[in-house]
């Protein structure tokens, strides 16, 4: 009887919200006994927990470019889920993949994390954008300027596929929500929290009042953390079947979304929850000042539009199960968790 071939997997961002969720999904995969997984982590203290779960660890960071290149050069599949806008990090990984191809003739797989932030249009909360992007509409995606968030790295990733030394797939999550409940969170080595919605809640707590940008008319897509995990494994499974299974390279953009939400309505829902919990002065969201946006949420992104349709992702068999109602249902739990951890 033949032994299943081992798949060597290298993961970055394994302690993070996305990376930890993806790694946990791989560890629960039916073929996990054929996986040889290595994770680059910063903390030596966390290594034993990863090792106990069957994950090899290398201590370092994404600024250790030689280490990144070396690990990528030895992997059949690389999954990047950290520092996704760092061009030097991306170049180091791509260099490692290229070296592997030149030495062995193999074409390794790269599953890269980007985000629908690449689609943003600034509205200061005052209008809903007409422009809606489909992950099937490649010319429209390629029309995005290099100055958009994530875009410069995305271009480099696609170029690697075009040159033939790597087979690349770019996953673009939207607003991810939900508290991750994974093997790695149970071991205490993964961040279980998202960024966008907790920032908005924390801003309301700090100013003792839920806030909104402009008229709150802008919209974003959303996706539950569990559903984004299944998007990665769906692409991972298909990619391992060969180059003709699903689109890659220029045809390899996959949006992660399952419905849009109004940022203004979300802001109002948070303001109401804060008020009902005795943590806000009014159930009505009030305008953030520019200083508050900088201080609490990291700038004006909260007033942007990002509109995406995950049509390619659904065509390959991805079926997200949580919709926008789940997003609103998650807010109270998020608030309670933030308050409990303060």
C-alpha atoms as a PDB file:
ATOM      1  CA  UNK A   1       0.000   0.000   0.000  1.00  0.00           C
ATOM      2  CA  UNK A   2       1.404   3.383  -0.984  1.00  0.00           C
ATOM      3  CA  UNK A   3       1.930   6.079   1.675  1.00  0.00           C
ATOM      4  CA  UNK A   4       0.214   9.431   1.067  1.00  0.00           C
ATOM      5  CA  UNK A   5       2.717  12.049   0.031  1.00  0.00           C
ATOM      6  CA  UNK A   6       3.581  14.598   2.705  1.00  0.00           C
ATOM      7  CA  UNK A   7       2.562  18.197   2.064  1.00  0.00           C
ATOM      8  CA  UNK A   8       5.042  20.672   3.537  1.00  0.00           C
ATOM      9  CA  UNK A   9       3.208  23.816   4.679  1.00  0.00           C
ATOM     10  CA  UNK A  10       4.721  27.083   5.919  1.00  0.00           C
ATOM     11  CA  UNK A  11       2.425  29.554   7.691  1.00  0.00           C
ATOM     12  CA  UNK A  12       3.032  33.161   8.733  1.00  0.00           C
ATOM     13  CA  UNK A  13       0.806  34.985  11.190  1.00  0.00           C
ATOM     14  CA  UNK A  14       0.015  31.772  13.070  1.00  0.00           C
ATOM     15  CA  UNK A  15      -0.656  33.563  16.361  1.00  0.00           C
ATOM     16  CA  UNK A  16      -2.983  36.063  14.693  1.00  0.00           C
ATOM     17  CA  UNK A  17      -6.737  36.201  14.259  1.00  0.00           C
ATOM     18  CA  UNK A  18      -6.719  34.995  10.641  1.00  0.00           C
ATOM     19  CA  UNK A  19      -3.551  32.914  10.608  1.00  0.00           C
ATOM     20  CA  UNK A  20      -4.416  31.051  13.788  1.00  0.00           C
ATOM     21  CA  UNK A  21      -7.884  30.284  12.496  1.00  0.00           C
ATOM     22  CA  UNK A  22      -6.474  28.938   9.232  1.00  0.00           C
ATOM     23  CA  UNK A  23      -3.785  26.907  10.969  1.00  0.00           C
ATOM     24  CA  UNK A  24      -6.363  25.416  13.350  1.00  0.00           C
ATOM     25  CA  UNK A  25      -8.503  24.465  10.348  1.00  0.00           C
ATOM     26  CA  UNK A  26      -5.503  22.724   8.771  1.00  0.00           C
ATOM     27  CA  UNK A  27      -4.850  20.816  11.986  1.00  0.00           C
ATOM     28  CA  UNK A  28      -8.471  19.619  11.909  1.00  0.00           C
ATOM     29  CA  UNK A  29      -8.294  18.729   8.205  1.00  0.00           C
ATOM     30  CA  UNK A  30      -9.036  15.104   7.235  1.00  0.00           C
ATOM     31  CA  UNK A  31      -5.576  14.886   5.638  1.00  0.00           C
ATOM     32  CA  UNK A  32      -3.738  16.527   8.535  1.00  0.00           C
ATOM     33  CA  UNK A  33      -1.688  13.399   9.219  1.00  0.00           C
ATOM     34  CA  UNK A  34       0.001  13.988   5.850  1.00  0.00           C
ATOM     35  CA  UNK A  35       0.842  17.616   6.615  1.00  0.00           C
ATOM     36  CA  UNK A  36       4.260  18.781   7.788  1.00  0.00           C
ATOM     37  CA  UNK A  37       3.468  22.269   9.104  1.00  0.00           C
ATOM     38  CA  UNK A  38       5.980  24.922  10.127  1.00  0.00           C
ATOM     39  CA  UNK A  39       5.000  28.270  11.648  1.00  0.00           C
ATOM     40  CA  UNK A  40       7.169  31.349  12.096  1.00  0.00           C
ATOM     41  CA  UNK A  41       6.386  32.814  15.532  1.00  0.00           C
ATOM     42  CA  UNK A  42       7.924  35.624  17.575  1.00  0.00           C
ATOM     43  CA  UNK A  43       7.561  34.114  21.054  1.00  0.00           C
ATOM     44  CA  UNK A  44       9.686  31.145  22.114  1.00  0.00           C
ATOM     45  CA  UNK A  45       7.301  30.723  25.066  1.00  0.00           C
ATOM     46  CA  UNK A  46       4.494  29.750  22.685  1.00  0.00           C
ATOM     47  CA  UNK A  47       6.549  27.158  20.818  1.00  0.00           C
ATOM     48  CA  UNK A  48       5.745  24.204  23.129  1.00  0.00           C
ATOM     49  CA  UNK A  49       1.993  24.756  22.651  1.00  0.00           C
ATOM     50  CA  UNK A  50       2.374  24.771  18.877  1.00  0.00           C
ATOM     51  CA  UNK A  51       4.614  21.716  19.056  1.00  0.00           C
ATOM     52  CA  UNK A  52       2.013  19.881  21.164  1.00  0.00           C
ATOM     53  CA  UNK A  53      -0.503  20.487  18.391  1.00  0.00           C
ATOM     54  CA  UNK A  54       1.837  19.007  15.799  1.00  0.00           C
ATOM     55  CA  UNK A  55       3.266  22.253  14.417  1.00  0.00           C
ATOM     56  CA  UNK A  56       6.995  22.852  14.039  1.00  0.00           C
ATOM     57  CA  UNK A  57       8.104  26.345  14.980  1.00  0.00           C
ATOM     58  CA  UNK A  58      10.853  28.713  13.957  1.00  0.00           C
ATOM     59  CA  UNK A  59      11.400  31.720  16.211  1.00  0.00           C
ATOM     60  CA  UNK A  60      11.611  34.984  14.333  1.00  0.00           C
ATOM     61  CA  UNK A  61       9.579  37.706  12.699  1.00  0.00           C
ATOM     62  CA  UNK A  62       8.633  38.887   9.243  1.00  0.00           C
ATOM     63  CA  UNK A  63      11.620  41.213   9.312  1.00  0.00           C
ATOM     64  CA  UNK A  64      13.897  38.153   9.232  1.00  0.00           C
ATOM     65  CA  UNK A  65      13.983  38.085   5.461  1.00  0.00           C
ATOM     66  CA  UNK A  66      16.588  35.337   5.036  1.00  0.00           C
ATOM     67  CA  UNK A  67      14.576  33.077   7.342  1.00  0.00           C
ATOM     68  CA  UNK A  68      11.390  33.746   5.383  1.00  0.00           C
ATOM     69  CA  UNK A  69      13.089  32.963   2.087  1.00  0.00           C
ATOM     70  CA  UNK A  70      14.622  29.767   3.465  1.00  0.00           C
ATOM     71  CA  UNK A  71      11.334  28.481   4.908  1.00  0.00           C
ATOM     72  CA  UNK A  72       9.450  29.314   1.707  1.00  0.00           C
ATOM     73  CA  UNK A  73      12.081  27.508  -0.358  1.00  0.00           C
ATOM     74  CA  UNK A  74      11.318  24.279   1.513  1.00  0.00           C
ATOM     75  CA  UNK A  75       7.499  24.410   1.410  1.00  0.00           C
ATOM     76  CA  UNK A  76       4.987  22.939  -1.007  1.00  0.00           C
ATOM     77  CA  UNK A  77       2.384  25.428   0.219  1.00  0.00           C
ATOM     78  CA  UNK A  78       2.987  28.830   1.813  1.00  0.00           C
ATOM     79  CA  UNK A  79       0.107  30.616   3.564  1.00  0.00           C
ATOM     80  CA  UNK A  80       0.796  34.246   4.457  1.00  0.00           C
ATOM     81  CA  UNK A  81      -1.421  35.903   7.059  1.00  0.00           C
ATOM     82  CA  UNK A  82       0.782  38.596   8.602  1.00  0.00           C
ATOM     83  CA  UNK A  83       2.144  41.997   7.562  1.00  0.00           C
ATOM     84  CA  UNK A  84       0.342  41.723   4.256  1.00  0.00           C
ATOM     85  CA  UNK A  85       1.366  45.230   3.148  1.00  0.00           C
ATOM     86  CA  UNK A  86       5.072  44.657   3.795  1.00  0.00           C
ATOM     87  CA  UNK A  87       6.667  44.575   0.357  1.00  0.00           C
ATOM     88  CA  UNK A  88      10.035  43.331   1.638  1.00  0.00           C
ATOM     89  CA  UNK A  89       8.373  40.442   3.476  1.00  0.00           C
ATOM     90  CA  UNK A  90       6.491  39.469   0.315  1.00  0.00           C
ATOM     91  CA  UNK A  91       9.622  39.707  -1.828  1.00  0.00           C
ATOM     92  CA  UNK A  92      11.551  37.465   0.569  1.00  0.00           C
ATOM     93  CA  UNK A  93       8.878  34.767   0.436  1.00  0.00           C
ATOM     94  CA  UNK A  94       8.631  35.031  -3.332  1.00  0.00           C
ATOM     95  CA  UNK A  95      12.414  34.793  -3.603  1.00  0.00           C
ATOM     96  CA  UNK A  96      12.336  31.577  -1.593  1.00  0.00           C
ATOM     97  CA  UNK A  97       9.641  30.115  -3.824  1.00  0.00           C
ATOM     98  CA  UNK A  98      11.621  31.104  -6.906  1.00  0.00           C
ATOM     99  CA  UNK A  99      14.770  29.465  -5.563  1.00  0.00           C
ATOM    100  CA  UNK A 100      12.832  26.257  -4.945  1.00  0.00           C
ATOM    101  CA  UNK A 101      11.475  26.285  -8.484  1.00  0.00           C
ATOM    102  CA  UNK A 102      14.900  26.897  -9.986  1.00  0.00           C
ATOM    103  CA  UNK A 103      16.436  24.038  -7.996  1.00  0.00           C
ATOM    104  CA  UNK A 104      13.670  21.445  -8.296  1.00  0.00           C
ATOM    105  CA  UNK A 105      11.438  22.456 -11.193  1.00  0.00           C
ATOM    106  CA  UNK A 106       8.448  22.289  -8.836  1.00  0.00           C
ATOM    107  CA  UNK A 107       5.844  25.064  -8.767  1.00  0.00           C
ATOM    108  CA  UNK A 108       4.977  25.672  -5.116  1.00  0.00           C
ATOM    109  CA  UNK A 109       1.649  27.142  -4.017  1.00  0.00           C
ATOM    110  CA  UNK A 110       1.260  30.555  -2.351  1.00  0.00           C
ATOM    111  CA  UNK A 111      -2.025  31.456  -0.635  1.00  0.00           C
ATOM    112  CA  UNK A 112      -1.675  35.122   0.222  1.00  0.00           C
ATOM    113  CA  UNK A 113      -3.876  37.232   2.482  1.00  0.00           C
ATOM    114  CA  UNK A 114      -4.893  40.644   1.167  1.00  0.00           C
ATOM    115  CA  UNK A 115      -8.206  42.354   1.950  1.00  0.00           C
ATOM    116  CA  UNK A 116     -11.152  44.253   0.500  1.00  0.00           C
ATOM    117  CA  UNK A 117      -9.489  47.373   1.888  1.00  0.00           C
ATOM    118  CA  UNK A 118      -7.837  47.419  -1.560  1.00  0.00           C
ATOM    119  CA  UNK A 119     -11.222  48.560  -2.900  1.00  0.00           C
ATOM    120  CA  UNK A 120     -11.789  51.494  -0.553  1.00  0.00           C
ATOM    121  CA  UNK A 121     -13.238  54.775  -1.709  1.00  0.00           C
ATOM    122  CA  UNK A 122     -13.182  57.641   0.761  1.00  0.00           C
ATOM    123  CA  UNK A 123     -16.650  59.004   1.492  1.00  0.00           C
ATOM    124  CA  UNK A 124     -16.247  60.408   5.005  1.00  0.00           C
ATOM    125  CA  UNK A 125     -19.432  58.477   5.711  1.00  0.00           C
ATOM    126  CA  UNK A 126     -21.519  60.727   3.502  1.00  0.00           C
ATOM    127  CA  UNK A 127     -22.459  58.485   0.565  1.00  0.00           C
ATOM    128  CA  UNK A 128     -22.681  54.885  -0.577  1.00  0.00           C
ATOM    129  CA  UNK A 129     -20.398  54.123  -3.507  1.00  0.00           C
ATOM    130  CA  UNK A 130     -21.865  52.914  -6.795  1.00  0.00           C
ATOM    131  CA  UNK A 131     -18.762  50.863  -7.636  1.00  0.00           C
ATOM    132  CA  UNK A 132     -19.136  47.175  -6.772  1.00  0.00           C
ATOM    133  CA  UNK A 133     -16.264  44.778  -7.472  1.00  0.00           C
ATOM    134  CA  UNK A 134     -16.652  41.101  -8.358  1.00  0.00           C
ATOM    135  CA  UNK A 135     -13.727  38.735  -7.911  1.00  0.00           C
ATOM    136  CA  UNK A 136     -14.562  37.493 -11.416  1.00  0.00           C
ATOM    137  CA  UNK A 137     -13.970  40.926 -12.969  1.00  0.00           C
ATOM    138  CA  UNK A 138     -10.200  40.882 -13.322  1.00  0.00           C
ATOM    139  CA  UNK A 139      -9.823  43.993 -15.542  1.00  0.00           C
ATOM    140  CA  UNK A 140     -11.707  46.005 -12.932  1.00  0.00           C
ATOM    141  CA  UNK A 141      -9.504  44.724 -10.116  1.00  0.00           C
ATOM    142  CA  UNK A 142      -6.393  45.388 -12.189  1.00  0.00           C
ATOM    143  CA  UNK A 143      -7.547  48.961 -12.771  1.00  0.00           C
ATOM    144  CA  UNK A 144      -7.020  49.693  -9.071  1.00  0.00           C
ATOM    145  CA  UNK A 145      -4.040  52.025  -8.607  1.00  0.00           C
ATOM    146  CA  UNK A 146      -0.889  50.746  -6.958  1.00  0.00           C
ATOM    147  CA  UNK A 147      -1.429  53.302  -4.195  1.00  0.00           C
ATOM    148  CA  UNK A 148      -4.494  51.465  -2.848  1.00  0.00           C
ATOM    149  CA  UNK A 149      -3.942  49.489   0.386  1.00  0.00           C
ATOM    150  CA  UNK A 150      -2.536  45.987  -0.237  1.00  0.00           C
ATOM    151  CA  UNK A 151      -2.283  46.575  -3.984  1.00  0.00           C
ATOM    152  CA  UNK A 152       1.495  46.739  -4.372  1.00  0.00           C
ATOM    153  CA  UNK A 153       1.988  43.342  -2.735  1.00  0.00           C
ATOM    154  CA  UNK A 154      -0.951  41.826  -4.624  1.00  0.00           C
ATOM    155  CA  UNK A 155       0.682  42.868  -7.912  1.00  0.00           C
ATOM    156  CA  UNK A 156       3.969  41.212  -6.907  1.00  0.00           C
ATOM    157  CA  UNK A 157       2.168  38.000  -5.945  1.00  0.00           C
ATOM    158  CA  UNK A 158       0.360  37.779  -9.282  1.00  0.00           C
ATOM    159  CA  UNK A 159       3.600  38.511 -11.131  1.00  0.00           C
ATOM    160  CA  UNK A 160       5.182  35.419  -9.535  1.00  0.00           C
ATOM    161  CA  UNK A 161       2.425  33.272 -11.031  1.00  0.00           C
ATOM    162  CA  UNK A 162       2.802  34.964 -14.406  1.00  0.00           C
ATOM    163  CA  UNK A 163       6.534  34.189 -14.341  1.00  0.00           C
ATOM    164  CA  UNK A 164       5.723  30.542 -13.635  1.00  0.00           C
ATOM    165  CA  UNK A 165       7.721  29.881 -10.475  1.00  0.00           C
ATOM    166  CA  UNK A 166       4.726  29.851  -8.085  1.00  0.00           C
ATOM    167  CA  UNK A 167       1.012  29.185  -8.298  1.00  0.00           C
ATOM    168  CA  UNK A 168      -0.685  32.015  -6.431  1.00  0.00           C
ATOM    169  CA  UNK A 169      -4.077  32.570  -4.846  1.00  0.00           C
ATOM    170  CA  UNK A 170      -5.032  35.836  -3.173  1.00  0.00           C
ATOM    171  CA  UNK A 171      -7.738  35.832  -0.500  1.00  0.00           C
ATOM    172  CA  UNK A 172      -9.310  39.197   0.294  1.00  0.00           C
ATOM    173  CA  UNK A 173     -11.261  39.082   3.566  1.00  0.00           C
ATOM    174  CA  UNK A 174     -13.640  41.949   4.305  1.00  0.00           C
ATOM    175  CA  UNK A 175     -14.685  43.047   7.812  1.00  0.00           C
ATOM    176  CA  UNK A 176     -14.101  39.852   9.766  1.00  0.00           C
ATOM    177  CA  UNK A 177     -16.148  39.470  12.931  1.00  0.00           C
ATOM    178  CA  UNK A 178     -16.727  36.950  15.685  1.00  0.00           C
ATOM    179  CA  UNK A 179     -14.495  35.749  18.499  1.00  0.00           C
ATOM    180  CA  UNK A 180     -12.323  32.910  17.253  1.00  0.00           C
ATOM    181  CA  UNK A 181     -12.838  29.619  19.046  1.00  0.00           C
ATOM    182  CA  UNK A 182     -10.111  27.315  17.776  1.00  0.00           C
ATOM    183  CA  UNK A 183      -7.595  24.778  18.974  1.00  0.00           C
ATOM    184  CA  UNK A 184      -4.969  27.511  19.126  1.00  0.00           C
ATOM    185  CA  UNK A 185      -7.158  29.901  21.133  1.00  0.00           C
ATOM    186  CA  UNK A 186      -7.811  27.059  23.577  1.00  0.00           C
ATOM    187  CA  UNK A 187      -4.038  26.694  23.934  1.00  0.00           C
ATOM    188  CA  UNK A 188      -3.717  30.434  24.566  1.00  0.00           C
ATOM    189  CA  UNK A 189      -1.432  31.113  21.604  1.00  0.00           C
ATOM    190  CA  UNK A 190      -3.807  32.794  19.127  1.00  0.00           C
ATOM    191  CA  UNK A 191      -5.361  36.259  19.225  1.00  0.00           C
ATOM    192  CA  UNK A 192      -9.119  35.527  19.174  1.00  0.00           C
ATOM    193  CA  UNK A 193     -10.241  39.070  18.353  1.00  0.00           C
ATOM    194  CA  UNK A 194     -10.828  41.011  15.168  1.00  0.00           C
ATOM    195  CA  UNK A 195      -9.765  44.641  14.759  1.00  0.00           C
ATOM    196  CA  UNK A 196     -12.385  46.766  13.021  1.00  0.00           C
ATOM    197  CA  UNK A 197     -15.459  46.201  15.172  1.00  0.00           C
ATOM    198  CA  UNK A 198     -13.614  46.012  18.518  1.00  0.00           C
ATOM    199  CA  UNK A 199     -11.948  49.327  17.658  1.00  0.00           C
ATOM    200  CA  UNK A 200     -15.340  50.920  17.119  1.00  0.00           C
ATOM    201  CA  UNK A 201     -16.637  49.513  20.418  1.00  0.00           C
ATOM    202  CA  UNK A 202     -13.521  50.593  22.309  1.00  0.00           C
ATOM    203  CA  UNK A 203     -13.830  54.083  20.826  1.00  0.00           C
ATOM    204  CA  UNK A 204     -17.379  54.296  22.176  1.00  0.00           C
ATOM    205  CA  UNK A 205     -16.250  53.115  25.597  1.00  0.00           C
ATOM    206  CA  UNK A 206     -13.412  55.634  25.696  1.00  0.00           C
ATOM    207  CA  UNK A 207     -15.626  58.604  24.752  1.00  0.00           C
ATOM    208  CA  UNK A 208     -18.577  57.194  26.759  1.00  0.00           C
ATOM    209  CA  UNK A 209     -20.716  57.417  23.656  1.00  0.00           C
ATOM    210  CA  UNK A 210     -21.071  55.468  20.428  1.00  0.00           C
ATOM    211  CA  UNK A 211     -19.707  57.356  17.439  1.00  0.00           C
ATOM    212  CA  UNK A 212     -20.311  57.608  13.706  1.00  0.00           C
ATOM    213  CA  UNK A 213     -18.469  59.142  10.744  1.00  0.00           C
ATOM    214  CA  UNK A 214     -20.451  61.719   8.773  1.00  0.00           C
ATOM    215  CA  UNK A 215     -23.937  60.559   7.809  1.00  0.00           C
ATOM    216  CA  UNK A 216     -22.971  56.912   8.203  1.00  0.00           C
ATOM    217  CA  UNK A 217     -24.085  56.059   4.667  1.00  0.00           C
ATOM    218  CA  UNK A 218     -20.958  54.158   3.619  1.00  0.00           C
ATOM    219  CA  UNK A 219     -21.001  50.357   3.431  1.00  0.00           C
ATOM    220  CA  UNK A 220     -18.593  47.454   3.814  1.00  0.00           C
ATOM    221  CA  UNK A 221     -18.847  43.706   3.222  1.00  0.00           C
ATOM    222  CA  UNK A 222     -18.487  41.344   6.167  1.00  0.00           C
ATOM    223  CA  UNK A 223     -17.573  37.742   6.915  1.00  0.00           C
ATOM    224  CA  UNK A 224     -17.563  35.584  10.038  1.00  0.00           C
ATOM    225  CA  UNK A 225     -14.154  34.325  11.147  1.00  0.00           C
ATOM    226  CA  UNK A 226     -15.249  30.686  10.819  1.00  0.00           C
ATOM    227  CA  UNK A 227     -16.363  31.284   7.233  1.00  0.00           C
ATOM    228  CA  UNK A 228     -13.087  32.915   6.301  1.00  0.00           C
ATOM    229  CA  UNK A 229     -11.350  29.825   7.679  1.00  0.00           C
ATOM    230  CA  UNK A 230     -13.359  27.582   5.356  1.00  0.00           C
ATOM    231  CA  UNK A 231     -12.513  29.840   2.398  1.00  0.00           C
ATOM    232  CA  UNK A 232      -8.811  29.172   2.980  1.00  0.00           C
ATOM    233  CA  UNK A 233      -9.305  25.418   3.283  1.00  0.00           C
ATOM    234  CA  UNK A 234     -11.559  25.355   0.195  1.00  0.00           C
ATOM    235  CA  UNK A 235      -8.843  27.060  -1.849  1.00  0.00           C
ATOM    236  CA  UNK A 236      -6.117  24.940  -0.241  1.00  0.00           C
ATOM    237  CA  UNK A 237      -7.925  21.714  -1.162  1.00  0.00           C
ATOM    238  CA  UNK A 238      -8.606  22.825  -4.717  1.00  0.00           C
ATOM    239  CA  UNK A 239      -5.080  24.134  -5.267  1.00  0.00           C
ATOM    240  CA  UNK A 240      -3.564  20.782  -4.272  1.00  0.00           C
ATOM    241  CA  UNK A 241      -5.525  19.098  -7.060  1.00  0.00           C
ATOM    242  CA  UNK A 242      -3.447  20.875  -9.687  1.00  0.00           C
ATOM    243  CA  UNK A 243      -3.149  24.059 -11.722  1.00  0.00           C
ATOM    244  CA  UNK A 244      -6.386  23.549 -13.646  1.00  0.00           C
ATOM    245  CA  UNK A 245      -8.680  23.022 -10.635  1.00  0.00           C
ATOM    246  CA  UNK A 246      -9.433  26.685  -9.898  1.00  0.00           C
ATOM    247  CA  UNK A 247      -8.250  30.085 -11.067  1.00  0.00           C
ATOM    248  CA  UNK A 248      -4.814  31.269  -9.956  1.00  0.00           C
ATOM    249  CA  UNK A 249      -2.529  34.180 -10.741  1.00  0.00           C
ATOM    250  CA  UNK A 250      -4.518  36.862 -12.562  1.00  0.00           C
ATOM    251  CA  UNK A 251      -7.613  34.673 -12.185  1.00  0.00           C
ATOM    252  CA  UNK A 252      -6.817  33.914  -8.553  1.00  0.00           C
ATOM    253  CA  UNK A 253      -8.532  36.661  -6.577  1.00  0.00           C
ATOM    254  CA  UNK A 254     -11.060  35.404  -4.011  1.00  0.00           C
ATOM    255  CA  UNK A 255     -13.143  37.846  -1.985  1.00  0.00           C
ATOM    256  CA  UNK A 256     -14.302  36.799   1.474  1.00  0.00           C
ATOM    257  CA  UNK A 257     -17.737  38.304   2.089  1.00  0.00           C
ATOM    258  CA  UNK A 258     -21.277  37.249   2.851  1.00  0.00           C
ATOM    259  CA  UNK A 259     -23.320  40.434   2.768  1.00  0.00           C
ATOM    260  CA  UNK A 260     -22.905  44.163   3.255  1.00  0.00           C
ATOM    261  CA  UNK A 261     -23.546  46.262   6.320  1.00  0.00           C
ATOM    262  CA  UNK A 262     -24.147  49.975   6.682  1.00  0.00           C
ATOM    263  CA  UNK A 263     -21.369  51.460   8.814  1.00  0.00           C
ATOM    264  CA  UNK A 264     -23.864  53.995  10.131  1.00  0.00           C
ATOM    265  CA  UNK A 265     -26.334  51.299  11.179  1.00  0.00           C
ATOM    266  CA  UNK A 266     -23.513  49.365  12.828  1.00  0.00           C
ATOM    267  CA  UNK A 267     -22.438  52.510  14.660  1.00  0.00           C
ATOM    268  CA  UNK A 268     -25.998  53.094  15.858  1.00  0.00           C
ATOM    269  CA  UNK A 269     -26.301  49.489  17.053  1.00  0.00           C
ATOM    270  CA  UNK A 270     -23.115  49.862  19.086  1.00  0.00           C
ATOM    271  CA  UNK A 271     -24.294  53.184  20.553  1.00  0.00           C
ATOM    272  CA  UNK A 272     -27.555  51.535  21.629  1.00  0.00           C
ATOM    273  CA  UNK A 273     -25.730  48.607  23.257  1.00  0.00           C
ATOM    274  CA  UNK A 274     -23.423  50.968  25.132  1.00  0.00           C
ATOM    275  CA  UNK A 275     -26.370  53.001  26.381  1.00  0.00           C
ATOM    276  CA  UNK A 276     -28.307  49.916  27.493  1.00  0.00           C
ATOM    277  CA  UNK A 277     -25.231  48.694  29.370  1.00  0.00           C
ATOM    278  CA  UNK A 278     -24.889  52.048  31.152  1.00  0.00           C
ATOM    279  CA  UNK A 279     -21.681  52.756  29.255  1.00  0.00           C
ATOM    280  CA  UNK A 280     -22.965  55.413  26.847  1.00  0.00           C
ATOM    281  CA  UNK A 281     -24.710  58.721  27.366  1.00  0.00           C
ATOM    282  CA  UNK A 282     -27.204  58.338  24.530  1.00  0.00           C
ATOM    283  CA  UNK A 283     -28.576  55.534  22.341  1.00  0.00           C
ATOM    284  CA  UNK A 284     -27.878  57.731  19.311  1.00  0.00           C
ATOM    285  CA  UNK A 285     -24.384  57.720  17.818  1.00  0.00           C
ATOM    286  CA  UNK A 286     -22.703  61.116  17.716  1.00  0.00           C
ATOM    287  CA  UNK A 287     -20.148  62.376  15.216  1.00  0.00           C
ATOM    288  CA  UNK A 288     -16.533  61.416  15.709  1.00  0.00           C
ATOM    289  CA  UNK A 289     -14.163  64.368  15.529  1.00  0.00           C
ATOM    290  CA  UNK A 290     -11.067  64.060  13.349  1.00  0.00           C
ATOM    291  CA  UNK A 291      -8.950  63.828  16.500  1.00  0.00           C
ATOM    292  CA  UNK A 292     -11.116  60.999  17.838  1.00  0.00           C
ATOM    293  CA  UNK A 293     -10.852  59.071  14.573  1.00  0.00           C
ATOM    294  CA  UNK A 294      -7.065  59.327  14.723  1.00  0.00           C
ATOM    295  CA  UNK A 295      -6.898  58.483  18.419  1.00  0.00           C
ATOM    296  CA  UNK A 296      -9.396  55.636  18.606  1.00  0.00           C
ATOM    297  CA  UNK A 297      -9.767  53.980  15.205  1.00  0.00           C
ATOM    298  CA  UNK A 298      -6.550  54.799  13.403  1.00  0.00           C
ATOM    299  CA  UNK A 299      -7.800  57.372  10.905  1.00  0.00           C
ATOM    300  CA  UNK A 300     -10.519  58.005   8.364  1.00  0.00           C
ATOM    301  CA  UNK A 301     -10.954  54.441   7.047  1.00  0.00           C
ATOM    302  CA  UNK A 302     -14.178  54.164   9.055  1.00  0.00           C
ATOM    303  CA  UNK A 303     -15.780  56.576   6.592  1.00  0.00           C
ATOM    304  CA  UNK A 304     -14.819  54.604   3.467  1.00  0.00           C
ATOM    305  CA  UNK A 305     -16.810  52.380   1.154  1.00  0.00           C
ATOM    306  CA  UNK A 306     -15.649  48.908   0.165  1.00  0.00           C
ATOM    307  CA  UNK A 307     -18.067  46.938  -1.996  1.00  0.00           C
ATOM    308  CA  UNK A 308     -17.309  43.380  -3.074  1.00  0.00           C
ATOM    309  CA  UNK A 309     -19.067  40.276  -4.342  1.00  0.00           C
ATOM    310  CA  UNK A 310     -17.429  36.878  -3.736  1.00  0.00           C
ATOM    311  CA  UNK A 311     -18.655  35.284  -6.949  1.00  0.00           C
ATOM    312  CA  UNK A 312     -15.481  33.384  -7.852  1.00  0.00           C
ATOM    313  CA  UNK A 313     -15.185  32.104  -4.300  1.00  0.00           C
ATOM    314  CA  UNK A 314     -18.713  30.687  -4.390  1.00  0.00           C
ATOM    315  CA  UNK A 315     -18.166  29.097  -7.788  1.00  0.00           C
ATOM    316  CA  UNK A 316     -15.426  26.872  -6.370  1.00  0.00           C
ATOM    317  CA  UNK A 317     -17.770  25.498  -3.714  1.00  0.00           C
ATOM    318  CA  UNK A 318     -17.290  27.867  -0.779  1.00  0.00           C
ATOM    319  CA  UNK A 319     -20.528  28.209   1.183  1.00  0.00           C
ATOM    320  CA  UNK A 320     -20.387  30.738   4.025  1.00  0.00           C
ATOM    321  CA  UNK A 321     -23.138  30.147   6.577  1.00  0.00           C
ATOM    322  CA  UNK A 322     -23.115  33.344   8.653  1.00  0.00           C
ATOM    323  CA  UNK A 323     -24.858  36.413   7.202  1.00  0.00           C
ATOM    324  CA  UNK A 324     -25.093  40.054   8.275  1.00  0.00           C
ATOM    325  CA  UNK A 325     -27.627  39.157  10.962  1.00  0.00           C
ATOM    326  CA  UNK A 326     -24.820  37.203  12.620  1.00  0.00           C
ATOM    327  CA  UNK A 327     -22.672  40.318  12.536  1.00  0.00           C
ATOM    328  CA  UNK A 328     -25.224  42.320  14.521  1.00  0.00           C
ATOM    329  CA  UNK A 329     -25.831  39.391  16.872  1.00  0.00           C
ATOM    330  CA  UNK A 330     -22.106  39.283  17.651  1.00  0.00           C
ATOM    331  CA  UNK A 331     -21.883  42.864  18.916  1.00  0.00           C
ATOM    332  CA  UNK A 332     -23.168  42.250  22.453  1.00  0.00           C
ATOM    333  CA  UNK A 333     -20.732  39.378  22.974  1.00  0.00           C
ATOM    334  CA  UNK A 334     -17.874  41.517  21.650  1.00  0.00           C
ATOM    335  CA  UNK A 335     -18.814  44.347  24.023  1.00  0.00           C
ATOM    336  CA  UNK A 336     -19.056  42.026  27.006  1.00  0.00           C
ATOM    337  CA  UNK A 337     -15.675  40.489  26.207  1.00  0.00           C
ATOM    338  CA  UNK A 338     -13.989  43.884  25.846  1.00  0.00           C
ATOM    339  CA  UNK A 339     -15.439  45.144  29.126  1.00  0.00           C
ATOM    340  CA  UNK A 340     -14.426  41.927  30.906  1.00  0.00           C
ATOM    341  CA  UNK A 341     -10.842  42.283  29.666  1.00  0.00           C
ATOM    342  CA  UNK A 342     -10.424  45.934  30.592  1.00  0.00           C
END
